[in-house]
Amino acid sequence: MKLILLVLKKFLLVSQKIFDLLNGKYTYPEFEAELKELLNELGREICTEVINEMEKKIYEDKKNRENMY
């Protein structure tokens, strides 16, 4: 659920950037740079969440811990 909220927040930010571009608040290169940064940030946050969940599951299940190494 947390992952879905993360993606939704970033999607709303991206849509706002698109509207700002269409309303002339950004040039296309500025929009492209900001979009790249937002998507890179989203990727980092998704990876962090996935790794944290995997660690949590491994910590809770001794069998998985033994199979990790």
PDB file of N, CA and C in Angstrom:
ATOM      1  N   MET A   1       0.822  -1.192   0.000  1.00  0.00           N
ATOM      2  CA  MET A   1       0.000   0.000   0.000  1.00  0.00           C
ATOM      3  C   MET A   1       0.871   1.264   0.000  1.00  0.00           C
ATOM      4  N   LYS A   2       1.947   1.213   0.776  1.00  0.00           N
ATOM      5  CA  LYS A   2       2.842   2.364   0.852  1.00  0.00           C
ATOM      6  C   LYS A   2       3.461   2.660  -0.515  1.00  0.00           C
ATOM      7  N   LEU A   3       3.764   1.605  -1.248  1.00  0.00           N
ATOM      8  CA  LEU A   3       4.352   1.748  -2.579  1.00  0.00           C
ATOM      9  C   LEU A   3       3.374   2.432  -3.536  1.00  0.00           C
ATOM     10  N   ILE A   4       2.112   2.062  -3.449  1.00  0.00           N
ATOM     11  CA  ILE A   4       1.086   2.667  -4.305  1.00  0.00           C
ATOM     12  C   ILE A   4       0.952   4.153  -4.001  1.00  0.00           C
ATOM     13  N   LEU A   5       0.982   4.515  -2.728  1.00  0.00           N
ATOM     14  CA  LEU A   5       0.899   5.927  -2.352  1.00  0.00           C
ATOM     15  C   LEU A   5       2.104   6.714  -2.857  1.00  0.00           C
ATOM     16  N   LEU A   6       3.274   6.089  -2.807  1.00  0.00           N
ATOM     17  CA  LEU A   6       4.489   6.724  -3.333  1.00  0.00           C
ATOM     18  C   LEU A   6       4.329   7.057  -4.812  1.00  0.00           C
ATOM     19  N   VAL A   7       3.879   6.062  -5.577  1.00  0.00           N
ATOM     20  CA  VAL A   7       3.710   6.241  -7.021  1.00  0.00           C
ATOM     21  C   VAL A   7       2.639   7.290  -7.296  1.00  0.00           C
ATOM     22  N   LEU A   8       1.554   7.253  -6.547  1.00  0.00           N
ATOM     23  CA  LEU A   8       0.466   8.214  -6.750  1.00  0.00           C
ATOM     24  C   LEU A   8       0.933   9.648  -6.506  1.00  0.00           C
ATOM     25  N   LYS A   9       1.693   9.856  -5.431  1.00  0.00           N
ATOM     26  CA  LYS A   9       2.209  11.201  -5.140  1.00  0.00           C
ATOM     27  C   LYS A   9       3.083  11.714  -6.279  1.00  0.00           C
ATOM     28  N   LYS A  10       3.972  10.862  -6.760  1.00  0.00           N
ATOM     29  CA  LYS A  10       4.861  11.278  -7.852  1.00  0.00           C
ATOM     30  C   LYS A  10       4.069  11.520  -9.131  1.00  0.00           C
ATOM     31  N   PHE A  11       3.063  10.685  -9.384  1.00  0.00           N
ATOM     32  CA  PHE A  11       2.229  10.869 -10.566  1.00  0.00           C
ATOM     33  C   PHE A  11       1.537  12.226 -10.517  1.00  0.00           C
ATOM     34  N   LEU A  12       1.046  12.614  -9.352  1.00  0.00           N
ATOM     35  CA  LEU A  12       0.402  13.921  -9.209  1.00  0.00           C
ATOM     36  C   LEU A  12       1.399  15.052  -9.449  1.00  0.00           C
ATOM     37  N   LEU A  13       2.625  14.884  -8.973  1.00  0.00           N
ATOM     38  CA  LEU A  13       3.654  15.897  -9.225  1.00  0.00           C
ATOM     39  C   LEU A  13       3.975  15.999 -10.714  1.00  0.00           C
ATOM     40  N   VAL A  14       4.056  14.851 -11.386  1.00  0.00           N
ATOM     41  CA  VAL A  14       4.334  14.841 -12.826  1.00  0.00           C
ATOM     42  C   VAL A  14       3.201  15.516 -13.577  1.00  0.00           C
ATOM     43  N   SER A  15       1.965  15.205 -13.213  1.00  0.00           N
ATOM     44  CA  SER A  15       0.833  15.829 -13.913  1.00  0.00           C
ATOM     45  C   SER A  15       0.831  17.341 -13.695  1.00  0.00           C
ATOM     46  N   GLN A  16       1.210  17.791 -12.499  1.00  0.00           N
ATOM     47  CA  GLN A  16       1.297  19.230 -12.253  1.00  0.00           C
ATOM     48  C   GLN A  16       2.378  19.865 -13.126  1.00  0.00           C
ATOM     49  N   LYS A  17       3.498  19.185 -13.274  1.00  0.00           N
ATOM     50  CA  LYS A  17       4.574  19.693 -14.138  1.00  0.00           C
ATOM     51  C   LYS A  17       4.102  19.784 -15.591  1.00  0.00           C
ATOM     52  N   ILE A  18       3.320  18.804 -16.027  1.00  0.00           N
ATOM     53  CA  ILE A  18       2.793  18.829 -17.398  1.00  0.00           C
ATOM     54  C   ILE A  18       1.876  20.029 -17.588  1.00  0.00           C
ATOM     55  N   PHE A  19       0.973  20.253 -16.626  1.00  0.00           N
ATOM     56  CA  PHE A  19       0.075  21.407 -16.723  1.00  0.00           C
ATOM     57  C   PHE A  19       0.856  22.716 -16.715  1.00  0.00           C
ATOM     58  N   ASP A  20       1.885  22.786 -15.877  1.00  0.00           N
ATOM     59  CA  ASP A  20       2.718  23.989 -15.838  1.00  0.00           C
ATOM     60  C   ASP A  20       3.421  24.212 -17.176  1.00  0.00           C
ATOM     61  N   LEU A  21       3.892  23.143 -17.793  1.00  0.00           N
ATOM     62  CA  LEU A  21       4.527  23.247 -19.111  1.00  0.00           C
ATOM     63  C   LEU A  21       3.528  23.772 -20.133  1.00  0.00           C
ATOM     64  N   LEU A  22       2.331  23.207 -20.125  1.00  0.00           N
ATOM     65  CA  LEU A  22       1.305  23.628 -21.085  1.00  0.00           C
ATOM     66  C   LEU A  22       0.858  25.070 -20.860  1.00  0.00           C
ATOM     67  N   ASN A  23       0.959  25.548 -19.625  1.00  0.00           N
ATOM     68  CA  ASN A  23       0.589  26.928 -19.310  1.00  0.00           C
ATOM     69  C   ASN A  23       1.752  27.901 -19.458  1.00  0.00           C
ATOM     70  N   GLY A  24       2.884  27.410 -19.939  1.00  0.00           N
ATOM     71  CA  GLY A  24       4.015  28.286 -20.224  1.00  0.00           C
ATOM     72  C   GLY A  24       4.902  28.615 -19.045  1.00  0.00           C
ATOM     73  N   LYS A  25       4.761  27.901 -17.938  1.00  0.00           N
ATOM     74  CA  LYS A  25       5.593  28.183 -16.771  1.00  0.00           C
ATOM     75  C   LYS A  25       6.994  27.583 -16.898  1.00  0.00           C
ATOM     76  N   TYR A  26       7.169  26.638 -17.830  1.00  0.00           N
ATOM     77  CA  TYR A  26       8.446  25.981 -18.057  1.00  0.00           C
ATOM     78  C   TYR A  26       8.755  25.982 -19.537  1.00  0.00           C
ATOM     79  N   THR A  27      10.038  25.946 -19.835  1.00  0.00           N
ATOM     80  CA  THR A  27      10.441  25.611 -21.196  1.00  0.00           C
ATOM     81  C   THR A  27      10.524  24.091 -21.250  1.00  0.00           C
ATOM     82  N   TYR A  28      10.567  23.541 -22.446  1.00  0.00           N
ATOM     83  CA  TYR A  28      10.627  22.086 -22.548  1.00  0.00           C
ATOM     84  C   TYR A  28      11.887  21.512 -21.897  1.00  0.00           C
ATOM     85  N   PRO A  29      13.061  22.115 -22.112  1.00  0.00           N
ATOM     86  CA  PRO A  29      14.261  21.568 -21.440  1.00  0.00           C
ATOM     87  C   PRO A  29      14.152  21.602 -19.905  1.00  0.00           C
ATOM     88  N   GLU A  30      13.544  22.652 -19.354  1.00  0.00           N
ATOM     89  CA  GLU A  30      13.351  22.711 -17.901  1.00  0.00           C
ATOM     90  C   GLU A  30      12.413  21.596 -17.439  1.00  0.00           C
ATOM     91  N   PHE A  31      11.334  21.411 -18.192  1.00  0.00           N
ATOM     92  CA  PHE A  31      10.378  20.348 -17.881  1.00  0.00           C
ATOM     93  C   PHE A  31      11.061  18.987 -17.924  1.00  0.00           C
ATOM     94  N   GLU A  32      11.841  18.761 -18.968  1.00  0.00           N
ATOM     95  CA  GLU A  32      12.524  17.478 -19.135  1.00  0.00           C
ATOM     96  C   GLU A  32      13.471  17.202 -17.963  1.00  0.00           C
ATOM     97  N   ALA A  33      14.203  18.220 -17.537  1.00  0.00           N
ATOM     98  CA  ALA A  33      15.143  18.056 -16.419  1.00  0.00           C
ATOM     99  C   ALA A  33      14.395  17.752 -15.118  1.00  0.00           C
ATOM    100  N   GLU A  34      13.301  18.460 -14.874  1.00  0.00           N
ATOM    101  CA  GLU A  34      12.533  18.225 -13.650  1.00  0.00           C
ATOM    102  C   GLU A  34      11.849  16.867 -13.673  1.00  0.00           C
ATOM    103  N   LEU A  35      11.354  16.470 -14.833  1.00  0.00           N
ATOM    104  CA  LEU A  35      10.719  15.163 -14.972  1.00  0.00           C
ATOM    105  C   LEU A  35      11.735  14.050 -14.714  1.00  0.00           C
ATOM    106  N   LYS A  36      12.921  14.213 -15.258  1.00  0.00           N
ATOM    107  CA  LYS A  36      13.979  13.218 -15.043  1.00  0.00           C
ATOM    108  C   LYS A  36      14.289  13.087 -13.557  1.00  0.00           C
ATOM    109  N   GLU A  37      14.404  14.210 -12.871  1.00  0.00           N
ATOM    110  CA  GLU A  37      14.702  14.186 -11.441  1.00  0.00           C
ATOM    111  C   GLU A  37      13.576  13.508 -10.652  1.00  0.00           C
ATOM    112  N   LEU A  38      12.328  13.836 -10.979  1.00  0.00           N
ATOM    113  CA  LEU A  38      11.192  13.209 -10.294  1.00  0.00           C
ATOM    114  C   LEU A  38      11.167  11.701 -10.498  1.00  0.00           C
ATOM    115  N   LEU A  39      11.395  11.259 -11.729  1.00  0.00           N
ATOM    116  CA  LEU A  39      11.357   9.829 -12.021  1.00  0.00           C
ATOM    117  C   LEU A  39      12.537   9.093 -11.390  1.00  0.00           C
ATOM    118  N   ASN A  40      13.706   9.725 -11.365  1.00  0.00           N
ATOM    119  CA  ASN A  40      14.857   9.119 -10.682  1.00  0.00           C
ATOM    120  C   ASN A  40      14.587   8.978  -9.184  1.00  0.00           C
ATOM    121  N   GLU A  41      13.990  10.009  -8.610  1.00  0.00           N
ATOM    122  CA  GLU A  41      13.638   9.978  -7.191  1.00  0.00           C
ATOM    123  C   GLU A  41      12.622   8.866  -6.916  1.00  0.00           C
ATOM    124  N   LEU A  42      11.642   8.736  -7.799  1.00  0.00           N
ATOM    125  CA  LEU A  42      10.648   7.676  -7.649  1.00  0.00           C
ATOM    126  C   LEU A  42      11.316   6.305  -7.694  1.00  0.00           C
ATOM    127  N   GLY A  43      12.227   6.111  -8.622  1.00  0.00           N
ATOM    128  CA  GLY A  43      12.946   4.845  -8.718  1.00  0.00           C
ATOM    129  C   GLY A  43      13.722   4.526  -7.453  1.00  0.00           C
ATOM    130  N   ARG A  44      14.393   5.524  -6.905  1.00  0.00           N
ATOM    131  CA  ARG A  44      15.144   5.318  -5.657  1.00  0.00           C
ATOM    132  C   ARG A  44      14.205   4.951  -4.512  1.00  0.00           C
ATOM    133  N   GLU A  45      13.079   5.657  -4.427  1.00  0.00           N
ATOM    134  CA  GLU A  45      12.129   5.394  -3.347  1.00  0.00           C
ATOM    135  C   GLU A  45      11.502   4.008  -3.473  1.00  0.00           C
ATOM    136  N   ILE A  46      11.195   3.590  -4.697  1.00  0.00           N
ATOM    137  CA  ILE A  46      10.636   2.254  -4.909  1.00  0.00           C
ATOM    138  C   ILE A  46      11.652   1.195  -4.495  1.00  0.00           C
ATOM    139  N   CYS A  47      12.891   1.350  -4.922  1.00  0.00           N
ATOM    140  CA  CYS A  47      13.936   0.384  -4.555  1.00  0.00           C
ATOM    141  C   CYS A  47      14.110   0.317  -3.041  1.00  0.00           C
ATOM    142  N   THR A  48      14.103   1.454  -2.386  1.00  0.00           N
ATOM    143  CA  THR A  48      14.240   1.498  -0.933  1.00  0.00           C
ATOM    144  C   THR A  48      13.099   0.754  -0.259  1.00  0.00           C
ATOM    145  N   GLU A  49      11.875   0.997  -0.704  1.00  0.00           N
ATOM    146  CA  GLU A  49      10.714   0.323  -0.117  1.00  0.00           C
ATOM    147  C   GLU A  49      10.772  -1.183  -0.329  1.00  0.00           C
ATOM    148  N   VAL A  50      11.130  -1.604  -1.529  1.00  0.00           N
ATOM    149  CA  VAL A  50      11.205  -3.037  -1.829  1.00  0.00           C
ATOM    150  C   VAL A  50      12.273  -3.706  -0.967  1.00  0.00           C
ATOM    151  N   ILE A  51      13.438  -3.096  -0.871  1.00  0.00           N
ATOM    152  CA  ILE A  51      14.519  -3.662  -0.058  1.00  0.00           C
ATOM    153  C   ILE A  51      14.115  -3.720   1.412  1.00  0.00           C
ATOM    154  N   ASN A  52      13.488  -2.660   1.909  1.00  0.00           N
ATOM    155  CA  ASN A  52      13.044  -2.659   3.305  1.00  0.00           C
ATOM    156  C   ASN A  52      12.040  -3.776   3.575  1.00  0.00           C
ATOM    157  N   GLU A  53      11.110  -3.985   2.665  1.00  0.00           N
ATOM    158  CA  GLU A  53      10.122  -5.059   2.834  1.00  0.00           C
ATOM    159  C   GLU A  53      10.778  -6.431   2.778  1.00  0.00           C
ATOM    160  N   MET A  54      11.739  -6.594   1.878  1.00  0.00           N
ATOM    161  CA  MET A  54      12.450  -7.872   1.790  1.00  0.00           C
ATOM    162  C   MET A  54      13.221  -8.146   3.080  1.00  0.00           C
ATOM    163  N   GLU A  55      13.905  -7.135   3.595  1.00  0.00           N
ATOM    164  CA  GLU A  55      14.651  -7.291   4.845  1.00  0.00           C
ATOM    165  C   GLU A  55      13.715  -7.645   5.996  1.00  0.00           C
ATOM    166  N   LYS A  56      12.571  -7.001   6.033  1.00  0.00           N
ATOM    167  CA  LYS A  56      11.586  -7.264   7.081  1.00  0.00           C
ATOM    168  C   LYS A  56      11.113  -8.714   7.027  1.00  0.00           C
ATOM    169  N   LYS A  57      10.809  -9.204   5.832  1.00  0.00           N
ATOM    170  CA  LYS A  57      10.351 -10.588   5.675  1.00  0.00           C
ATOM    171  C   LYS A  57      11.452 -11.579   6.048  1.00  0.00           C
ATOM    172  N   ILE A  58      12.676 -11.286   5.657  1.00  0.00           N
ATOM    173  CA  ILE A  58      13.800 -12.162   5.987  1.00  0.00           C
ATOM    174  C   ILE A  58      14.023 -12.185   7.498  1.00  0.00           C
ATOM    175  N   TYR A  59      13.938 -11.034   8.120  1.00  0.00           N
ATOM    176  CA  TYR A  59      14.129 -10.950   9.566  1.00  0.00           C
ATOM    177  C   TYR A  59      13.065 -11.754  10.301  1.00  0.00           C
ATOM    178  N   GLU A  60      11.826 -11.714   9.798  1.00  0.00           N
ATOM    179  CA  GLU A  60      10.717 -12.403  10.455  1.00  0.00           C
ATOM    180  C   GLU A  60      10.717 -13.909  10.207  1.00  0.00           C
ATOM    181  N   ASP A  61      11.380 -14.381   9.169  1.00  0.00           N
ATOM    182  CA  ASP A  61      11.342 -15.796   8.808  1.00  0.00           C
ATOM    183  C   ASP A  61      12.757 -16.383   8.818  1.00  0.00           C
ATOM    184  N   LYS A  62      13.057 -17.196   9.819  1.00  0.00           N
ATOM    185  CA  LYS A  62      14.403 -17.760   9.960  1.00  0.00           C
ATOM    186  C   LYS A  62      14.803 -18.620   8.766  1.00  0.00           C
ATOM    187  N   LYS A  63      13.878 -19.341   8.166  1.00  0.00           N
ATOM    188  CA  LYS A  63      14.198 -20.183   7.009  1.00  0.00           C
ATOM    189  C   LYS A  63      14.750 -19.345   5.862  1.00  0.00           C
ATOM    190  N   ASN A  64      14.147 -18.202   5.609  1.00  0.00           N
ATOM    191  CA  ASN A  64      14.629 -17.326   4.540  1.00  0.00           C
ATOM    192  C   ASN A  64      16.021 -16.790   4.844  1.00  0.00           C
ATOM    193  N   ARG A  65      16.309 -16.526   6.093  1.00  0.00           N
ATOM    194  CA  ARG A  65      17.631 -16.028   6.465  1.00  0.00           C
ATOM    195  C   ARG A  65      18.703 -17.049   6.132  1.00  0.00           C
ATOM    196  N   GLU A  66      18.419 -18.319   6.381  1.00  0.00           N
ATOM    197  CA  GLU A  66      19.393 -19.368   6.096  1.00  0.00           C
ATOM    198  C   GLU A  66      19.643 -19.497   4.598  1.00  0.00           C
ATOM    199  N   ASN A  67      18.634 -19.278   3.779  1.00  0.00           N
ATOM    200  CA  ASN A  67      18.759 -19.419   2.328  1.00  0.00           C
ATOM    201  C   ASN A  67      19.382 -18.197   1.655  1.00  0.00           C
ATOM    202  N   MET A  68      19.569 -17.136   2.395  1.00  0.00           N
ATOM    203  CA  MET A  68      20.121 -15.913   1.809  1.00  0.00           C
ATOM    204  C   MET A  68      21.603 -16.051   1.490  1.00  0.00           C
ATOM    205  N   TYR A  69      22.311 -16.893   2.203  1.00  0.00           N
ATOM    206  CA  TYR A  69      23.766 -16.945   2.043  1.00  0.00           C
ATOM    207  C   TYR A  69      24.204 -18.217   1.453  1.00  0.00           C
TER     208      TYR A  69
END
